[in-house]
Amino acid sequence: MIHETIKKNGITFGFITGLTSVLITTLIYTIDLNLFTSPWVGFFNLGLYLIIAIVLLVKTKKEFQGVFTFKDAFTTYFISALIGIVISVLFNIILFNVIDPAAKDTIKELTIKFMISAMEKFNAPAEGINKAIADLKENDQFSVLGLLKGSLSNIVFCTIFGLILAAFFKSKPSSQE
């Protein structure tokens, strides 16, 4: 049975994470589609989600007043991450497949240009660049299937990230304090 505090905080912060993702995507969409290919925006997002996760785990650990097991820490984070991913993916499905399907084609072209530029900077061979372009053109990352596949990758990444955070935030055995 999952502790009520874990459920409450996981769900609350899951909605915070999901709504943050929706807000960021909406801002990028309305400001400039080029931002979807910006590494700095990606680093900013990663940092923001890290801060949200840390606040979640610090808050939950305080509410447990002492004993915060690895399992409790991981479960709290994972519930939050899963809800955030679901909200984000549902929003992206609606935005890029219902509201503005043309935007995904624009972003794909911008991504191809960005990738060519980046690969050329690293002196990648022409056949490698051509293969990467062909792969990008074949796969529609913003289709419903593409977004669902991407969400599975996000879940795997979040699981690994959650394991690391849980190890860091779990309570130390009382003999070590």
C-alpha atoms as a PDB file:
ATOM      1  CA  MET A   1       0.000   0.000   0.000  1.00  0.00           C
ATOM      2  CA  ILE A   2       1.353   3.413  -0.961  1.00  0.00           C
ATOM      3  CA  HIS A   3       1.561   5.933   1.871  1.00  0.00           C
ATOM      4  CA  GLU A   4      -0.927   8.795   1.535  1.00  0.00           C
ATOM      5  CA  THR A   5       1.829  11.451   1.625  1.00  0.00           C
ATOM      6  CA  ILE A   6       3.630   9.763  -1.269  1.00  0.00           C
ATOM      7  CA  LYS A   7       0.440   9.693  -3.346  1.00  0.00           C
ATOM      8  CA  LYS A   8      -0.534  13.257  -2.497  1.00  0.00           C
ATOM      9  CA  ASN A   9       2.885  14.754  -3.192  1.00  0.00           C
ATOM     10  CA  GLY A  10       3.530  12.574  -6.249  1.00  0.00           C
ATOM     11  CA  ILE A  11       0.221  13.568  -7.812  1.00  0.00           C
ATOM     12  CA  THR A  12       0.525  17.255  -6.890  1.00  0.00           C
ATOM     13  CA  PHE A  13       4.067  17.561  -8.217  1.00  0.00           C
ATOM     14  CA  GLY A  14       3.154  15.443 -11.241  1.00  0.00           C
ATOM     15  CA  PHE A  15       0.584  18.069 -12.178  1.00  0.00           C
ATOM     16  CA  ILE A  16       3.121  20.824 -11.483  1.00  0.00           C
ATOM     17  CA  THR A  17       5.656  19.082 -13.749  1.00  0.00           C
ATOM     18  CA  GLY A  18       3.075  18.435 -16.470  1.00  0.00           C
ATOM     19  CA  LEU A  19       1.716  21.973 -16.412  1.00  0.00           C
ATOM     20  CA  THR A  20       5.270  23.355 -16.430  1.00  0.00           C
ATOM     21  CA  SER A  21       5.970  21.281 -19.537  1.00  0.00           C
ATOM     22  CA  VAL A  22       2.764  22.520 -21.183  1.00  0.00           C
ATOM     23  CA  LEU A  23       3.683  26.122 -20.344  1.00  0.00           C
ATOM     24  CA  ILE A  24       7.234  25.769 -21.715  1.00  0.00           C
ATOM     25  CA  THR A  25       6.015  24.071 -24.901  1.00  0.00           C
ATOM     26  CA  THR A  26       3.356  26.753 -25.377  1.00  0.00           C
ATOM     27  CA  LEU A  27       5.893  29.546 -24.859  1.00  0.00           C
ATOM     28  CA  ILE A  28       8.352  28.005 -27.305  1.00  0.00           C
ATOM     29  CA  TYR A  29       5.557  27.411 -29.814  1.00  0.00           C
ATOM     30  CA  THR A  30       4.336  31.007 -29.595  1.00  0.00           C
ATOM     31  CA  ILE A  31       7.760  32.715 -29.399  1.00  0.00           C
ATOM     32  CA  ASP A  32       9.871  30.876 -31.986  1.00  0.00           C
ATOM     33  CA  LEU A  33       9.822  27.280 -33.248  1.00  0.00           C
ATOM     34  CA  ASN A  34      13.626  27.429 -33.551  1.00  0.00           C
ATOM     35  CA  LEU A  35      13.751  27.158 -29.758  1.00  0.00           C
ATOM     36  CA  PHE A  36      12.646  23.511 -30.068  1.00  0.00           C
ATOM     37  CA  THR A  37      16.164  22.780 -31.398  1.00  0.00           C
ATOM     38  CA  SER A  38      18.040  24.929 -28.883  1.00  0.00           C
ATOM     39  CA  PRO A  39      20.362  22.982 -26.579  1.00  0.00           C
ATOM     40  CA  TRP A  40      20.085  25.831 -24.050  1.00  0.00           C
ATOM     41  CA  VAL A  41      16.330  25.378 -23.819  1.00  0.00           C
ATOM     42  CA  GLY A  42      16.919  21.668 -23.273  1.00  0.00           C
ATOM     43  CA  PHE A  43      19.422  22.355 -20.483  1.00  0.00           C
ATOM     44  CA  PHE A  44      17.039  24.885 -18.928  1.00  0.00           C
ATOM     45  CA  ASN A  45      14.201  22.323 -18.993  1.00  0.00           C
ATOM     46  CA  LEU A  46      16.398  19.645 -17.458  1.00  0.00           C
ATOM     47  CA  GLY A  47      17.488  22.034 -14.698  1.00  0.00           C
ATOM     48  CA  LEU A  48      13.918  23.117 -14.025  1.00  0.00           C
ATOM     49  CA  TYR A  49      12.682  19.510 -13.772  1.00  0.00           C
ATOM     50  CA  LEU A  50      15.609  18.694 -11.471  1.00  0.00           C
ATOM     51  CA  ILE A  51      14.636  21.586  -9.180  1.00  0.00           C
ATOM     52  CA  ILE A  52      10.997  20.426  -9.121  1.00  0.00           C
ATOM     53  CA  ALA A  53      12.109  16.861  -8.279  1.00  0.00           C
ATOM     54  CA  ILE A  54      14.401  18.058  -5.485  1.00  0.00           C
ATOM     55  CA  VAL A  55      11.664  20.238  -3.968  1.00  0.00           C
ATOM     56  CA  LEU A  56       9.280  17.257  -4.160  1.00  0.00           C
ATOM     57  CA  LEU A  57      11.676  14.906  -2.394  1.00  0.00           C
ATOM     58  CA  VAL A  58      12.776  17.438   0.238  1.00  0.00           C
ATOM     59  CA  LYS A  59       9.126  18.231   1.038  1.00  0.00           C
ATOM     60  CA  THR A  60       8.135  14.572   1.227  1.00  0.00           C
ATOM     61  CA  LYS A  61      11.159  13.640   3.345  1.00  0.00           C
ATOM     62  CA  LYS A  62      10.302  16.437   5.812  1.00  0.00           C
ATOM     63  CA  GLU A  63       6.721  15.196   6.020  1.00  0.00           C
ATOM     64  CA  PHE A  64       7.995  11.701   6.842  1.00  0.00           C
ATOM     65  CA  GLN A  65       9.917  13.171   9.802  1.00  0.00           C
ATOM     66  CA  GLY A  66      12.876  10.849   9.784  1.00  0.00           C
ATOM     67  CA  VAL A  67      12.430   7.584   7.925  1.00  0.00           C
ATOM     68  CA  PHE A  68      12.322   8.074   4.160  1.00  0.00           C
ATOM     69  CA  THR A  69      13.221   4.794   2.519  1.00  0.00           C
ATOM     70  CA  PHE A  70      14.708   4.346  -0.937  1.00  0.00           C
ATOM     71  CA  LYS A  71      11.415   2.808  -2.073  1.00  0.00           C
ATOM     72  CA  ASP A  72       9.384   5.741  -0.708  1.00  0.00           C
ATOM     73  CA  ALA A  73      11.676   8.298  -2.371  1.00  0.00           C
ATOM     74  CA  PHE A  74      11.656   6.479  -5.709  1.00  0.00           C
ATOM     75  CA  THR A  75       7.892   5.902  -5.650  1.00  0.00           C
ATOM     76  CA  THR A  76       7.219   9.570  -4.866  1.00  0.00           C
ATOM     77  CA  TYR A  77       9.420  10.738  -7.733  1.00  0.00           C
ATOM     78  CA  PHE A  78       8.164   8.105 -10.181  1.00  0.00           C
ATOM     79  CA  ILE A  79       4.489   8.944  -9.614  1.00  0.00           C
ATOM     80  CA  SER A  80       5.286  12.607 -10.217  1.00  0.00           C
ATOM     81  CA  ALA A  81       7.357  11.895 -13.334  1.00  0.00           C
ATOM     82  CA  LEU A  82       4.753   9.555 -14.819  1.00  0.00           C
ATOM     83  CA  ILE A  83       1.928  12.064 -14.377  1.00  0.00           C
ATOM     84  CA  GLY A  84       4.095  14.854 -15.794  1.00  0.00           C
ATOM     85  CA  ILE A  85       4.990  12.762 -18.847  1.00  0.00           C
ATOM     86  CA  VAL A  86       1.355  11.805 -19.491  1.00  0.00           C
ATOM     87  CA  ILE A  87       0.184  15.435 -19.318  1.00  0.00           C
ATOM     88  CA  SER A  88       3.029  16.599 -21.561  1.00  0.00           C
ATOM     89  CA  VAL A  89       2.473  13.878 -24.171  1.00  0.00           C
ATOM     90  CA  LEU A  90      -1.289  14.446 -24.280  1.00  0.00           C
ATOM     91  CA  PHE A  91      -0.726  18.172 -24.784  1.00  0.00           C
ATOM     92  CA  ASN A  92       1.845  17.557 -27.520  1.00  0.00           C
ATOM     93  CA  ILE A  93      -0.478  15.110 -29.288  1.00  0.00           C
ATOM     94  CA  ILE A  94      -3.226  17.741 -29.305  1.00  0.00           C
ATOM     95  CA  LEU A  95      -0.929  20.628 -30.283  1.00  0.00           C
ATOM     96  CA  PHE A  96       0.984  18.904 -33.090  1.00  0.00           C
ATOM     97  CA  ASN A  97      -1.715  16.577 -34.446  1.00  0.00           C
ATOM     98  CA  VAL A  98      -4.936  18.541 -33.975  1.00  0.00           C
ATOM     99  CA  ILE A  99      -4.287  22.262 -33.454  1.00  0.00           C
ATOM    100  CA  ASP A 100      -1.275  22.806 -35.756  1.00  0.00           C
ATOM    101  CA  PRO A 101      -0.031  19.735 -37.646  1.00  0.00           C
ATOM    102  CA  ALA A 102       2.091  21.959 -39.926  1.00  0.00           C
ATOM    103  CA  ALA A 103       4.259  22.985 -36.959  1.00  0.00           C
ATOM    104  CA  LYS A 104       5.707  19.485 -36.670  1.00  0.00           C
ATOM    105  CA  ASP A 105       6.929  19.661 -40.288  1.00  0.00           C
ATOM    106  CA  THR A 106       8.562  23.023 -39.603  1.00  0.00           C
ATOM    107  CA  ILE A 107      10.238  21.674 -36.465  1.00  0.00           C
ATOM    108  CA  LYS A 108      11.440  18.602 -38.372  1.00  0.00           C
ATOM    109  CA  GLU A 109      13.089  20.835 -40.993  1.00  0.00           C
ATOM    110  CA  LEU A 110      14.655  23.004 -38.284  1.00  0.00           C
ATOM    111  CA  THR A 111      15.926  19.869 -36.534  1.00  0.00           C
ATOM    112  CA  ILE A 112      17.482  18.587 -39.762  1.00  0.00           C
ATOM    113  CA  LYS A 113      19.246  21.930 -40.330  1.00  0.00           C
ATOM    114  CA  PHE A 114      20.472  21.982 -36.732  1.00  0.00           C
ATOM    115  CA  MET A 115      21.712  18.393 -36.931  1.00  0.00           C
ATOM    116  CA  ILE A 116      23.565  18.987 -40.209  1.00  0.00           C
ATOM    117  CA  SER A 117      25.263  22.039 -38.717  1.00  0.00           C
ATOM    118  CA  ALA A 118      26.212  20.202 -35.525  1.00  0.00           C
ATOM    119  CA  MET A 119      27.501  17.132 -37.362  1.00  0.00           C
ATOM    120  CA  GLU A 120      29.549  19.281 -39.748  1.00  0.00           C
ATOM    121  CA  LYS A 121      31.138  21.079 -36.775  1.00  0.00           C
ATOM    122  CA  PHE A 122      32.277  17.689 -35.491  1.00  0.00           C
ATOM    123  CA  ASN A 123      33.559  16.689 -38.948  1.00  0.00           C
ATOM    124  CA  ALA A 124      31.104  13.820 -39.303  1.00  0.00           C
ATOM    125  CA  PRO A 125      31.432  11.898 -42.567  1.00  0.00           C
ATOM    126  CA  ALA A 126      28.931  12.777 -45.309  1.00  0.00           C
ATOM    127  CA  GLU A 127      27.409   9.280 -45.288  1.00  0.00           C
ATOM    128  CA  GLY A 128      26.768   9.614 -41.551  1.00  0.00           C
ATOM    129  CA  ILE A 129      25.065  12.956 -42.054  1.00  0.00           C
ATOM    130  CA  ASN A 130      22.974  11.588 -44.931  1.00  0.00           C
ATOM    131  CA  LYS A 131      21.899   8.572 -42.857  1.00  0.00           C
ATOM    132  CA  ALA A 132      20.925  10.794 -39.916  1.00  0.00           C
ATOM    133  CA  ILE A 133      18.875  13.021 -42.241  1.00  0.00           C
ATOM    134  CA  ALA A 134      17.135  10.012 -43.791  1.00  0.00           C
ATOM    135  CA  ASP A 135      16.323   8.641 -40.327  1.00  0.00           C
ATOM    136  CA  LEU A 136      14.874  11.973 -39.241  1.00  0.00           C
ATOM    137  CA  LYS A 137      12.770  12.258 -42.395  1.00  0.00           C
ATOM    138  CA  GLU A 138      11.452   8.718 -41.935  1.00  0.00           C
ATOM    139  CA  ASN A 139      10.444   9.156 -38.305  1.00  0.00           C
ATOM    140  CA  ASP A 140       7.780  11.642 -37.319  1.00  0.00           C
ATOM    141  CA  GLN A 141       8.666  12.387 -33.700  1.00  0.00           C
ATOM    142  CA  PHE A 142       5.501  14.470 -33.256  1.00  0.00           C
ATOM    143  CA  SER A 143       3.033  11.902 -34.595  1.00  0.00           C
ATOM    144  CA  VAL A 144       0.878  10.163 -32.001  1.00  0.00           C
ATOM    145  CA  LEU A 145       3.016   7.028 -32.311  1.00  0.00           C
ATOM    146  CA  GLY A 146       6.252   9.057 -32.265  1.00  0.00           C
ATOM    147  CA  LEU A 147       5.196  10.911 -29.128  1.00  0.00           C
ATOM    148  CA  LEU A 148       4.170   7.666 -27.412  1.00  0.00           C
ATOM    149  CA  LYS A 149       7.526   6.072 -28.307  1.00  0.00           C
ATOM    150  CA  GLY A 150       9.272   9.190 -26.999  1.00  0.00           C
ATOM    151  CA  SER A 151       7.339   8.941 -23.771  1.00  0.00           C
ATOM    152  CA  LEU A 152       8.661   5.407 -23.260  1.00  0.00           C
ATOM    153  CA  SER A 153      12.204   6.753 -23.618  1.00  0.00           C
ATOM    154  CA  ASN A 154      11.339   9.502 -21.132  1.00  0.00           C
ATOM    155  CA  ILE A 155      10.011   6.931 -18.672  1.00  0.00           C
ATOM    156  CA  VAL A 156      13.249   4.936 -18.913  1.00  0.00           C
ATOM    157  CA  PHE A 157      15.323   8.125 -18.416  1.00  0.00           C
ATOM    158  CA  CYS A 158      13.119   9.190 -15.478  1.00  0.00           C
ATOM    159  CA  THR A 159      13.415   5.746 -13.912  1.00  0.00           C
ATOM    160  CA  ILE A 160      17.210   5.948 -13.955  1.00  0.00           C
ATOM    161  CA  PHE A 161      17.110   9.556 -12.772  1.00  0.00           C
ATOM    162  CA  GLY A 162      14.626   8.585 -10.024  1.00  0.00           C
ATOM    163  CA  LEU A 163      16.849   5.762  -8.806  1.00  0.00           C
ATOM    164  CA  ILE A 164      19.752   8.195  -8.452  1.00  0.00           C
ATOM    165  CA  LEU A 165      17.616  10.786  -6.652  1.00  0.00           C
ATOM    166  CA  ALA A 166      16.093   8.153  -4.368  1.00  0.00           C
ATOM    167  CA  ALA A 167      19.551   6.928  -3.381  1.00  0.00           C
ATOM    168  CA  PHE A 168      20.531  10.500  -2.564  1.00  0.00           C
ATOM    169  CA  PHE A 169      17.370  11.416  -0.605  1.00  0.00           C
ATOM    170  CA  LYS A 170      16.734   8.212   1.338  1.00  0.00           C
ATOM    171  CA  SER A 171      17.228   8.418   5.071  1.00  0.00           C
ATOM    172  CA  LYS A 172      20.497   7.126   6.442  1.00  0.00           C
ATOM    173  CA  PRO A 173      20.180   4.251   8.897  1.00  0.00           C
ATOM    174  CA  SER A 174      20.046   5.625  12.456  1.00  0.00           C
ATOM    175  CA  SER A 175      23.412   4.040  13.254  1.00  0.00           C
ATOM    176  CA  GLN A 176      25.072   6.377  10.676  1.00  0.00           C
ATOM    177  CA  GLU A 177      23.514   9.642  11.901  1.00  0.00           C
END
